[in-house]
Amino acid sequence: MPATRTGVGTWFRAWRRTRPFLAGLVTTLAGLELLFVPLWSAKFLLVQGVTGVGALLAGAVLVGCGILLLRLPHRRVPLGIVVLVFGFVSYVTTNLGGFLVGMVLALVGGSLALAWSPPRPAGTNTEVRRTTDVAEPT
């Protein structure tokens, strides 16, 4: 008799499969990286000036979008577009996109959000049938 798995691990696996989990995680990491660069030291932020505010805004939007991707999986397309736009915006506003790391993470997260599709219900048939209406040559 096979052992059945119960507990937190099984619950988390089932929850994770119903949403773009990796997209939300990567997007949140991108936002945290973009927030970390200007906040590394307060003296550095004073030297940056207005661009430091843009970096904080881009990072905050990406963290928010990452959390929303996990909470609202049905909004993955508009959130993925916002993540991609702010990923490109971070290139200009945050020292080449957080030294390219934050920008690349944001672009990957936005792409994963756009590529994710919800799981199909268990009863649906995924098999594609081929029908031919053309008579076969004899």
N, C-alpha and C. Protein backbone atom coordinates (compact mmCIF):
# COMPACT_ATOMS: atom_id res chain seq x y z
N MET A 1 0.85 -1.16 0.00
CA MET A 1 0.00 0.00 0.00
C MET A 1 0.90 1.24 0.00
N PRO A 2 0.70 2.17 -0.97
CA PRO A 2 1.54 3.36 -1.01
C PRO A 2 1.20 4.30 0.13
N ALA A 3 2.23 4.94 0.63
CA ALA A 3 2.03 5.89 1.72
C ALA A 3 1.47 7.19 1.16
N THR A 4 0.48 7.74 1.82
CA THR A 4 -0.09 9.02 1.40
C THR A 4 0.60 10.13 2.17
N ARG A 5 0.88 11.21 1.49
CA ARG A 5 1.57 12.34 2.11
C ARG A 5 0.54 13.37 2.51
N THR A 6 0.59 13.76 3.72
CA THR A 6 -0.28 14.82 4.21
C THR A 6 0.58 15.83 4.94
N GLY A 7 0.03 16.98 5.10
CA GLY A 7 0.74 17.99 5.87
C GLY A 7 0.97 19.26 5.08
N VAL A 8 1.90 20.04 5.61
CA VAL A 8 2.17 21.35 5.05
C VAL A 8 2.79 21.24 3.66
N GLY A 9 3.69 20.29 3.46
CA GLY A 9 4.33 20.14 2.16
C GLY A 9 3.34 19.84 1.05
N THR A 10 2.39 18.97 1.32
CA THR A 10 1.38 18.64 0.33
C THR A 10 0.46 19.83 0.07
N TRP A 11 0.08 20.52 1.14
CA TRP A 11 -0.78 21.69 0.98
C TRP A 11 -0.07 22.76 0.16
N PHE A 12 1.22 23.01 0.48
CA PHE A 12 1.96 24.05 -0.23
C PHE A 12 2.13 23.68 -1.71
N ARG A 13 2.39 22.42 -1.99
CA ARG A 13 2.55 21.98 -3.39
C ARG A 13 1.25 22.19 -4.17
N ALA A 14 0.12 21.86 -3.55
CA ALA A 14 -1.18 22.05 -4.22
C ALA A 14 -1.47 23.53 -4.41
N TRP A 15 -1.15 24.36 -3.42
CA TRP A 15 -1.38 25.80 -3.53
C TRP A 15 -0.50 26.41 -4.61
N ARG A 16 0.77 25.99 -4.64
CA ARG A 16 1.74 26.54 -5.59
C ARG A 16 1.35 26.24 -7.03
N ARG A 17 0.75 25.11 -7.28
CA ARG A 17 0.39 24.72 -8.66
C ARG A 17 -0.80 25.49 -9.20
N THR A 18 -1.52 26.20 -8.35
CA THR A 18 -2.70 26.94 -8.81
C THR A 18 -2.41 28.40 -9.09
N ARG A 19 -1.15 28.79 -9.09
CA ARG A 19 -0.79 30.19 -9.31
C ARG A 19 0.61 30.29 -9.90
N PRO A 20 0.95 31.44 -10.51
CA PRO A 20 2.30 31.60 -11.09
C PRO A 20 3.34 31.84 -9.99
N PHE A 21 3.65 30.79 -9.25
CA PHE A 21 4.49 30.92 -8.06
C PHE A 21 5.90 31.40 -8.39
N LEU A 22 6.53 30.77 -9.36
CA LEU A 22 7.90 31.15 -9.70
C LEU A 22 7.97 32.58 -10.24
N ALA A 23 6.97 32.99 -11.01
CA ALA A 23 6.92 34.36 -11.52
C ALA A 23 6.82 35.36 -10.37
N GLY A 24 5.96 35.08 -9.39
CA GLY A 24 5.82 35.97 -8.25
C GLY A 24 7.08 36.02 -7.41
N LEU A 25 7.74 34.87 -7.23
CA LEU A 25 8.95 34.82 -6.43
C LEU A 25 10.09 35.58 -7.10
N VAL A 26 10.29 35.36 -8.40
CA VAL A 26 11.37 36.03 -9.12
C VAL A 26 11.11 37.53 -9.20
N THR A 27 9.87 37.93 -9.40
CA THR A 27 9.54 39.35 -9.47
C THR A 27 9.77 40.03 -8.12
N THR A 28 9.39 39.37 -7.04
CA THR A 28 9.62 39.92 -5.71
C THR A 28 11.12 40.06 -5.44
N LEU A 29 11.90 39.06 -5.83
CA LEU A 29 13.35 39.14 -5.66
C LEU A 29 13.94 40.29 -6.47
N ALA A 30 13.42 40.50 -7.67
CA ALA A 30 13.89 41.62 -8.50
C ALA A 30 13.60 42.95 -7.81
N GLY A 31 12.40 43.10 -7.27
CA GLY A 31 12.07 44.34 -6.57
C GLY A 31 12.91 44.56 -5.33
N LEU A 32 13.16 43.49 -4.59
CA LEU A 32 14.00 43.62 -3.40
C LEU A 32 15.43 43.99 -3.76
N GLU A 33 15.93 43.42 -4.86
CA GLU A 33 17.28 43.78 -5.30
C GLU A 33 17.33 45.24 -5.74
N LEU A 34 16.31 45.70 -6.44
CA LEU A 34 16.29 47.10 -6.88
C LEU A 34 16.12 48.05 -5.69
N LEU A 35 15.43 47.62 -4.64
CA LEU A 35 15.31 48.44 -3.44
C LEU A 35 16.61 48.44 -2.64
N PHE A 36 17.33 47.34 -2.68
CA PHE A 36 18.55 47.22 -1.88
C PHE A 36 19.66 48.14 -2.38
N VAL A 37 19.77 48.31 -3.69
CA VAL A 37 20.87 49.11 -4.25
C VAL A 37 20.83 50.55 -3.76
N PRO A 38 19.72 51.29 -3.87
CA PRO A 38 19.77 52.68 -3.39
C PRO A 38 19.74 52.80 -1.87
N LEU A 39 19.25 51.79 -1.18
CA LEU A 39 19.18 51.86 0.28
C LEU A 39 20.42 51.29 0.97
N TRP A 40 21.43 50.95 0.18
CA TRP A 40 22.63 50.35 0.73
C TRP A 40 23.22 51.23 1.83
N SER A 41 23.29 52.50 1.55
CA SER A 41 23.69 53.45 2.60
C SER A 41 22.93 54.75 2.37
N ALA A 42 22.63 55.42 3.45
CA ALA A 42 21.90 56.68 3.34
C ALA A 42 22.72 57.74 2.63
N LYS A 43 24.02 57.71 2.81
CA LYS A 43 24.90 58.69 2.16
C LYS A 43 24.82 58.52 0.63
N PHE A 44 24.76 57.27 0.18
CA PHE A 44 24.67 57.00 -1.25
C PHE A 44 23.35 57.53 -1.82
N LEU A 45 22.27 57.42 -1.04
CA LEU A 45 20.97 57.91 -1.49
C LEU A 45 20.97 59.43 -1.60
N LEU A 46 21.64 60.11 -0.71
CA LEU A 46 21.70 61.57 -0.78
C LEU A 46 22.47 62.03 -2.01
N VAL A 47 23.47 61.27 -2.43
CA VAL A 47 24.23 61.62 -3.62
C VAL A 47 23.39 61.37 -4.86
N GLN A 48 22.58 60.33 -4.85
CA GLN A 48 21.78 59.99 -6.02
C GLN A 48 20.68 61.01 -6.31
N GLY A 49 20.02 61.50 -5.32
CA GLY A 49 18.97 62.50 -5.52
C GLY A 49 17.69 61.92 -6.06
N VAL A 50 17.19 62.53 -7.13
CA VAL A 50 15.89 62.17 -7.69
C VAL A 50 15.89 60.75 -8.25
N THR A 51 16.99 60.31 -8.81
CA THR A 51 17.01 58.95 -9.36
C THR A 51 16.89 57.90 -8.27
N GLY A 52 17.28 58.24 -7.06
CA GLY A 52 17.08 57.32 -5.94
C GLY A 52 15.60 57.08 -5.68
N VAL A 53 14.80 58.14 -5.85
CA VAL A 53 13.35 58.00 -5.68
C VAL A 53 12.77 57.11 -6.77
N GLY A 54 13.26 57.27 -7.99
CA GLY A 54 12.81 56.40 -9.09
C GLY A 54 13.17 54.95 -8.84
N ALA A 55 14.33 54.72 -8.26
CA ALA A 55 14.74 53.36 -7.94
C ALA A 55 13.83 52.76 -6.87
N LEU A 56 13.51 53.56 -5.86
CA LEU A 56 12.61 53.08 -4.82
C LEU A 56 11.22 52.78 -5.37
N LEU A 57 10.75 53.64 -6.26
CA LEU A 57 9.43 53.43 -6.87
C LEU A 57 9.42 52.16 -7.71
N ALA A 58 10.42 51.96 -8.56
CA ALA A 58 10.47 50.76 -9.40
C ALA A 58 10.55 49.51 -8.54
N GLY A 59 11.38 49.54 -7.51
CA GLY A 59 11.49 48.38 -6.63
C GLY A 59 10.20 48.08 -5.89
N ALA A 60 9.54 49.12 -5.40
CA ALA A 60 8.29 48.94 -4.66
C ALA A 60 7.20 48.39 -5.57
N VAL A 61 7.12 48.88 -6.80
CA VAL A 61 6.11 48.38 -7.74
C VAL A 61 6.37 46.91 -8.06
N LEU A 62 7.62 46.54 -8.24
CA LEU A 62 7.94 45.14 -8.55
C LEU A 62 7.65 44.22 -7.37
N VAL A 63 7.95 44.65 -6.16
CA VAL A 63 7.61 43.83 -4.99
C VAL A 63 6.09 43.68 -4.88
N GLY A 64 5.37 44.78 -5.09
CA GLY A 64 3.91 44.72 -5.05
C GLY A 64 3.34 43.80 -6.12
N CYS A 65 3.88 43.88 -7.32
CA CYS A 65 3.40 43.01 -8.40
C CYS A 65 3.73 41.54 -8.12
N GLY A 66 4.89 41.29 -7.52
CA GLY A 66 5.24 39.92 -7.17
C GLY A 66 4.28 39.33 -6.16
N ILE A 67 3.90 40.11 -5.16
CA ILE A 67 2.94 39.64 -4.16
C ILE A 67 1.56 39.47 -4.79
N LEU A 68 1.17 40.40 -5.65
CA LEU A 68 -0.13 40.28 -6.30
C LEU A 68 -0.20 39.09 -7.25
N LEU A 69 0.92 38.73 -7.88
CA LEU A 69 0.93 37.53 -8.72
C LEU A 69 0.63 36.28 -7.90
N LEU A 70 1.08 36.27 -6.66
CA LEU A 70 0.80 35.12 -5.80
C LEU A 70 -0.62 35.14 -5.26
N ARG A 71 -1.15 36.32 -5.03
CA ARG A 71 -2.48 36.44 -4.44
C ARG A 71 -3.60 36.41 -5.49
N LEU A 72 -3.35 36.98 -6.67
CA LEU A 72 -4.38 37.10 -7.71
C LEU A 72 -3.88 36.48 -9.02
N PRO A 73 -3.86 35.16 -9.12
CA PRO A 73 -3.31 34.54 -10.33
C PRO A 73 -4.11 34.84 -11.59
N HIS A 74 -5.38 35.18 -11.47
CA HIS A 74 -6.18 35.49 -12.66
C HIS A 74 -5.81 36.84 -13.26
N ARG A 75 -5.03 37.66 -12.58
CA ARG A 75 -4.55 38.95 -13.08
C ARG A 75 -3.12 38.86 -13.60
N ARG A 76 -2.69 37.67 -14.01
CA ARG A 76 -1.29 37.47 -14.39
C ARG A 76 -0.89 38.25 -15.64
N VAL A 77 -1.79 38.45 -16.59
CA VAL A 77 -1.41 39.13 -17.84
C VAL A 77 -1.16 40.63 -17.60
N PRO A 78 -2.08 41.39 -16.99
CA PRO A 78 -1.75 42.80 -16.78
C PRO A 78 -0.58 42.99 -15.80
N LEU A 79 -0.48 42.14 -14.80
CA LEU A 79 0.65 42.25 -13.88
C LEU A 79 1.96 41.90 -14.57
N GLY A 80 1.94 40.91 -15.45
CA GLY A 80 3.15 40.56 -16.20
C GLY A 80 3.60 41.70 -17.10
N ILE A 81 2.65 42.40 -17.69
CA ILE A 81 3.00 43.54 -18.55
C ILE A 81 3.60 44.67 -17.70
N VAL A 82 3.01 44.94 -16.54
CA VAL A 82 3.55 45.97 -15.65
C VAL A 82 4.96 45.60 -15.20
N VAL A 83 5.19 44.33 -14.89
CA VAL A 83 6.52 43.88 -14.46
C VAL A 83 7.52 44.08 -15.60
N LEU A 84 7.15 43.72 -16.81
CA LEU A 84 8.06 43.91 -17.94
C LEU A 84 8.38 45.39 -18.17
N VAL A 85 7.36 46.24 -18.09
CA VAL A 85 7.58 47.68 -18.29
C VAL A 85 8.51 48.23 -17.21
N PHE A 86 8.26 47.88 -15.95
CA PHE A 86 9.11 48.40 -14.88
C PHE A 86 10.49 47.74 -14.90
N GLY A 87 10.59 46.55 -15.46
CA GLY A 87 11.91 45.96 -15.65
C GLY A 87 12.74 46.77 -16.62
N PHE A 88 12.12 47.19 -17.72
CA PHE A 88 12.83 48.05 -18.67
C PHE A 88 13.08 49.44 -18.09
N VAL A 89 12.13 49.97 -17.34
CA VAL A 89 12.29 51.29 -16.72
C VAL A 89 13.45 51.27 -15.71
N SER A 90 13.62 50.15 -15.04
CA SER A 90 14.69 50.07 -14.04
C SER A 90 16.07 50.20 -14.66
N TYR A 91 16.20 49.90 -15.93
CA TYR A 91 17.49 50.06 -16.61
C TYR A 91 17.94 51.52 -16.57
N VAL A 92 16.98 52.43 -16.71
CA VAL A 92 17.29 53.85 -16.73
C VAL A 92 17.36 54.43 -15.33
N THR A 93 16.46 54.00 -14.45
CA THR A 93 16.32 54.66 -13.16
C THR A 93 17.20 54.10 -12.05
N THR A 94 17.69 52.89 -12.17
CA THR A 94 18.37 52.27 -11.02
C THR A 94 19.73 51.70 -11.39
N ASN A 95 20.63 52.52 -11.84
CA ASN A 95 22.00 52.08 -12.12
C ASN A 95 22.05 50.84 -13.00
N LEU A 96 21.60 51.00 -14.21
CA LEU A 96 21.54 49.89 -15.18
C LEU A 96 20.72 48.72 -14.66
N GLY A 97 19.59 49.02 -14.08
CA GLY A 97 18.68 47.98 -13.62
C GLY A 97 19.22 47.22 -12.44
N GLY A 98 19.76 47.92 -11.45
CA GLY A 98 20.34 47.23 -10.31
C GLY A 98 21.54 46.42 -10.70
N PHE A 99 22.40 47.03 -11.50
CA PHE A 99 23.59 46.36 -12.05
C PHE A 99 23.19 45.14 -12.88
N LEU A 100 22.13 45.29 -13.63
CA LEU A 100 21.55 44.31 -14.56
C LEU A 100 20.89 43.12 -13.87
N VAL A 101 21.16 42.86 -12.62
CA VAL A 101 20.58 41.71 -11.94
C VAL A 101 19.09 41.90 -11.73
N GLY A 102 18.69 43.04 -11.18
CA GLY A 102 17.27 43.31 -10.94
C GLY A 102 16.48 43.39 -12.22
N MET A 103 17.06 44.00 -13.25
CA MET A 103 16.36 44.11 -14.52
C MET A 103 16.14 42.73 -15.14
N VAL A 104 17.16 41.88 -15.13
CA VAL A 104 17.02 40.54 -15.71
C VAL A 104 16.01 39.72 -14.92
N LEU A 105 16.05 39.82 -13.59
CA LEU A 105 15.07 39.10 -12.78
C LEU A 105 13.65 39.58 -13.07
N ALA A 106 13.47 40.89 -13.23
CA ALA A 106 12.15 41.43 -13.53
C ALA A 106 11.67 40.97 -14.90
N LEU A 107 12.54 40.96 -15.89
CA LEU A 107 12.13 40.50 -17.22
C LEU A 107 11.80 39.02 -17.22
N VAL A 108 12.54 38.23 -16.49
CA VAL A 108 12.24 36.80 -16.39
C VAL A 108 10.92 36.59 -15.65
N GLY A 109 10.72 37.32 -14.55
CA GLY A 109 9.47 37.20 -13.79
C GLY A 109 8.25 37.62 -14.60
N GLY A 110 8.35 38.71 -15.35
CA GLY A 110 7.24 39.14 -16.19
C GLY A 110 6.96 38.16 -17.31
N SER A 111 8.00 37.60 -17.88
CA SER A 111 7.82 36.60 -18.93
C SER A 111 7.17 35.33 -18.39
N LEU A 112 7.61 34.91 -17.20
CA LEU A 112 6.99 33.73 -16.59
C LEU A 112 5.52 33.98 -16.26
N ALA A 113 5.20 35.19 -15.83
CA ALA A 113 3.80 35.52 -15.53
C ALA A 113 2.94 35.46 -16.79
N LEU A 114 3.47 35.95 -17.89
CA LEU A 114 2.70 35.91 -19.14
C LEU A 114 2.60 34.50 -19.70
N ALA A 115 3.59 33.67 -19.45
CA ALA A 115 3.60 32.32 -20.01
C ALA A 115 2.79 31.33 -19.17
N TRP A 116 2.54 31.63 -17.91
CA TRP A 116 1.85 30.68 -17.03
C TRP A 116 0.39 30.56 -17.43
N SER A 117 -0.13 29.35 -17.35
CA SER A 117 -1.56 29.14 -17.58
C SER A 117 -2.10 28.30 -16.42
N PRO A 118 -3.34 28.54 -16.03
CA PRO A 118 -3.89 27.80 -14.89
C PRO A 118 -4.03 26.32 -15.22
N PRO A 119 -3.97 25.48 -14.20
CA PRO A 119 -4.13 24.04 -14.46
C PRO A 119 -5.54 23.73 -14.93
N ARG A 120 -5.62 22.71 -15.76
CA ARG A 120 -6.94 22.29 -16.25
C ARG A 120 -7.63 21.44 -15.19
N PRO A 121 -8.96 21.48 -15.15
CA PRO A 121 -9.68 20.62 -14.22
C PRO A 121 -9.38 19.15 -14.52
N ALA A 122 -9.49 18.32 -13.51
CA ALA A 122 -9.10 16.91 -13.64
C ALA A 122 -9.94 16.15 -14.66
N GLY A 123 -11.19 16.54 -14.88
CA GLY A 123 -12.06 15.78 -15.76
C GLY A 123 -11.96 16.13 -17.23
N THR A 124 -11.17 17.13 -17.60
CA THR A 124 -11.12 17.54 -19.00
C THR A 124 -10.20 16.62 -19.79
N ASN A 125 -10.55 16.41 -21.03
CA ASN A 125 -9.78 15.55 -21.91
C ASN A 125 -8.79 16.42 -22.67
N THR A 126 -7.52 16.13 -22.53
CA THR A 126 -6.50 16.93 -23.21
C THR A 126 -6.04 16.29 -24.51
N GLU A 127 -6.58 15.13 -24.83
CA GLU A 127 -6.17 14.43 -26.05
C GLU A 127 -6.79 15.11 -27.26
N VAL A 128 -5.99 15.29 -28.28
CA VAL A 128 -6.45 15.89 -29.52
C VAL A 128 -6.71 14.77 -30.51
N ARG A 129 -7.91 14.77 -31.07
CA ARG A 129 -8.27 13.74 -32.04
C ARG A 129 -8.08 14.28 -33.45
N ARG A 130 -7.58 13.42 -34.29
CA ARG A 130 -7.42 13.78 -35.69
C ARG A 130 -8.53 13.13 -36.49
N THR A 131 -9.18 13.94 -37.26
CA THR A 131 -10.19 13.40 -38.15
C THR A 131 -9.81 13.77 -39.57
N THR A 132 -10.02 12.85 -40.45
CA THR A 132 -9.72 13.10 -41.84
C THR A 132 -11.01 12.98 -42.64
N ASP A 133 -11.29 14.01 -43.37
CA ASP A 133 -12.47 14.01 -44.22
C ASP A 133 -12.12 13.67 -45.66
N VAL A 134 -10.87 13.55 -45.93
CA VAL A 134 -10.41 13.25 -47.28
C VAL A 134 -10.33 11.74 -47.44
N ALA A 135 -10.83 11.28 -48.54
CA ALA A 135 -10.78 9.84 -48.82
C ALA A 135 -9.34 9.42 -49.07
N GLU A 136 -8.98 8.27 -48.53
CA GLU A 136 -7.64 7.77 -48.72
C GLU A 136 -7.51 7.18 -50.12
N PRO A 137 -6.37 7.34 -50.75
CA PRO A 137 -6.17 6.79 -52.10
C PRO A 137 -6.15 5.26 -52.04
N THR A 138 -6.71 4.66 -53.06
CA THR A 138 -6.75 3.19 -53.10
C THR A 138 -5.81 2.63 -54.12
